[in-house]
Structure formats: structure tokens, C-alpha cells
Amino acid sequence: MITLYTTHCPRCKVLKAKLDSENIDYEVVEGEEAIREKGFVTTPLLEVDDKVLTFAEAMQWINTR
């Protein structure tokens, strides 16, 4: 399962566009409150099989999968 945590910031939009261009299925969690409830303080984050990736890690994961 893949989940994108986003507040629609510029990096969030880049990561979403990359996921879409690679035809990767994912769920979206939006809004600062929902993201804070998970204990996260920055966005975007990508959760892949219970591993949370930062923007840079997520882009690398997408590029090497």
C-alpha cells in the first residue's frame, strides 16, 4: 500500500505528478490535522509498505522501482 501525505505545497505537487506519470496507485491523506495525527511535521511524505519516505527518498524510490 502506498500513501501520499500532502498539504498541496510545491513539492507535494511534484511528487504527486511523478506518481501519476509513473502510473503508481496510491491513496492521499490531505490536511495538516490528519498529517499531524500521524506524528508527521513535514510534507510531502510517501508511505510505502509501512516505511515513510521523505521527498528525496520518495523520488529515488520512484526512479529505481
C-alpha atoms as a PDB file:
ATOM      1  CA  MET A   1       0.000   0.000   0.000  1.00  0.00           C
ATOM      2  CA  ILE A   2       1.242   3.480  -0.892  1.00  0.00           C
ATOM      3  CA  THR A   3       0.024   6.658   0.789  1.00  0.00           C
ATOM      4  CA  LEU A   4       0.899  10.244  -0.123  1.00  0.00           C
ATOM      5  CA  TYR A   5       0.701  12.747   2.736  1.00  0.00           C
ATOM      6  CA  THR A   6       0.208  16.182   1.214  1.00  0.00           C
ATOM      7  CA  THR A   7      -0.675  19.772   2.001  1.00  0.00           C
ATOM      8  CA  HIS A   8      -0.537  20.652  -1.712  1.00  0.00           C
ATOM      9  CA  CYS A   9       2.751  22.517  -1.340  1.00  0.00           C
ATOM     10  CA  PRO A  10       5.007  22.819  -4.413  1.00  0.00           C
ATOM     11  CA  ARG A  11       6.988  19.679  -3.532  1.00  0.00           C
ATOM     12  CA  CYS A  12       3.746  17.829  -2.829  1.00  0.00           C
ATOM     13  CA  LYS A  13       2.550  18.682  -6.326  1.00  0.00           C
ATOM     14  CA  VAL A  14       5.826  17.499  -7.866  1.00  0.00           C
ATOM     15  CA  LEU A  15       5.664  14.179  -6.024  1.00  0.00           C
ATOM     16  CA  LYS A  16       2.009  13.666  -6.953  1.00  0.00           C
ATOM     17  CA  ALA A  17       2.773  14.404 -10.614  1.00  0.00           C
ATOM     18  CA  LYS A  18       5.667  11.932 -10.553  1.00  0.00           C
ATOM     19  CA  LEU A  19       3.487   9.206  -9.050  1.00  0.00           C
ATOM     20  CA  ASP A  20       0.810   9.886 -11.668  1.00  0.00           C
ATOM     21  CA  SER A  21       3.286   9.905 -14.568  1.00  0.00           C
ATOM     22  CA  GLU A  22       4.607   6.513 -13.470  1.00  0.00           C
ATOM     23  CA  ASN A  23       1.045   5.133 -13.102  1.00  0.00           C
ATOM     24  CA  ILE A  24       1.611   4.275  -9.443  1.00  0.00           C
ATOM     25  CA  ASP A  25      -1.586   3.666  -7.470  1.00  0.00           C
ATOM     26  CA  TYR A  26      -1.703   5.459  -4.142  1.00  0.00           C
ATOM     27  CA  GLU A  27      -4.040   6.869  -1.537  1.00  0.00           C
ATOM     28  CA  VAL A  28      -3.952  10.516  -0.483  1.00  0.00           C
ATOM     29  CA  VAL A  29      -4.092  11.914   3.034  1.00  0.00           C
ATOM     30  CA  GLU A  30      -4.652  15.658   2.966  1.00  0.00           C
ATOM     31  CA  GLY A  31      -4.736  18.366   5.554  1.00  0.00           C
ATOM     32  CA  GLU A  32      -2.396  19.378   8.285  1.00  0.00           C
ATOM     33  CA  GLU A  33      -4.505  17.977  11.120  1.00  0.00           C
ATOM     34  CA  ALA A  34      -4.668  14.465   9.647  1.00  0.00           C
ATOM     35  CA  ILE A  35      -0.930  14.549   8.977  1.00  0.00           C
ATOM     36  CA  ARG A  36      -0.100  15.772  12.495  1.00  0.00           C
ATOM     37  CA  GLU A  37      -2.245  12.979  13.946  1.00  0.00           C
ATOM     38  CA  LYS A  38       0.215  10.535  12.338  1.00  0.00           C
ATOM     39  CA  GLY A  39       3.061  12.398  14.070  1.00  0.00           C
ATOM     40  CA  PHE A  40       4.450  13.942  10.886  1.00  0.00           C
ATOM     41  CA  VAL A  41       5.664  17.545  10.828  1.00  0.00           C
ATOM     42  CA  THR A  42       6.689  17.992   7.174  1.00  0.00           C
ATOM     43  CA  THR A  43       5.234  17.191   3.782  1.00  0.00           C
ATOM     44  CA  PRO A  44       5.254  15.613   1.379  1.00  0.00           C
ATOM     45  CA  LEU A  45       5.796  12.150   2.741  1.00  0.00           C
ATOM     46  CA  LEU A  46       5.238   8.882   0.973  1.00  0.00           C
ATOM     47  CA  GLU A  47       4.453   5.757   2.972  1.00  0.00           C
ATOM     48  CA  VAL A  48       5.340   2.553   1.161  1.00  0.00           C
ATOM     49  CA  ASP A  49       4.577  -0.722   2.945  1.00  0.00           C
ATOM     50  CA  ASP A  50       4.792   0.950   6.387  1.00  0.00           C
ATOM     51  CA  LYS A  51       8.079   2.739   5.559  1.00  0.00           C
ATOM     52  CA  VAL A  52       7.866   6.545   5.499  1.00  0.00           C
ATOM     53  CA  LEU A  53       9.934   8.280   2.826  1.00  0.00           C
ATOM     54  CA  THR A  54      10.887  11.949   2.611  1.00  0.00           C
ATOM     55  CA  PHE A  55      10.506  13.831  -0.669  1.00  0.00           C
ATOM     56  CA  ALA A  56      14.044  12.950  -1.814  1.00  0.00           C
ATOM     57  CA  GLU A  57      13.720   9.320  -0.732  1.00  0.00           C
ATOM     58  CA  ALA A  58      10.334   9.047  -2.437  1.00  0.00           C
ATOM     59  CA  MET A  59      11.662  10.425  -5.713  1.00  0.00           C
ATOM     60  CA  GLN A  60      14.577   7.983  -5.564  1.00  0.00           C
ATOM     61  CA  TRP A  61      12.215   5.089  -4.823  1.00  0.00           C
ATOM     62  CA  ILE A  62      10.041   6.018  -7.801  1.00  0.00           C
ATOM     63  CA  ASN A  63      13.061   6.352 -10.111  1.00  0.00           C
ATOM     64  CA  THR A  64      14.553   2.983  -9.133  1.00  0.00           C
ATOM     65  CA  ARG A  65      11.490   0.760  -8.924  1.00  0.00           C
END
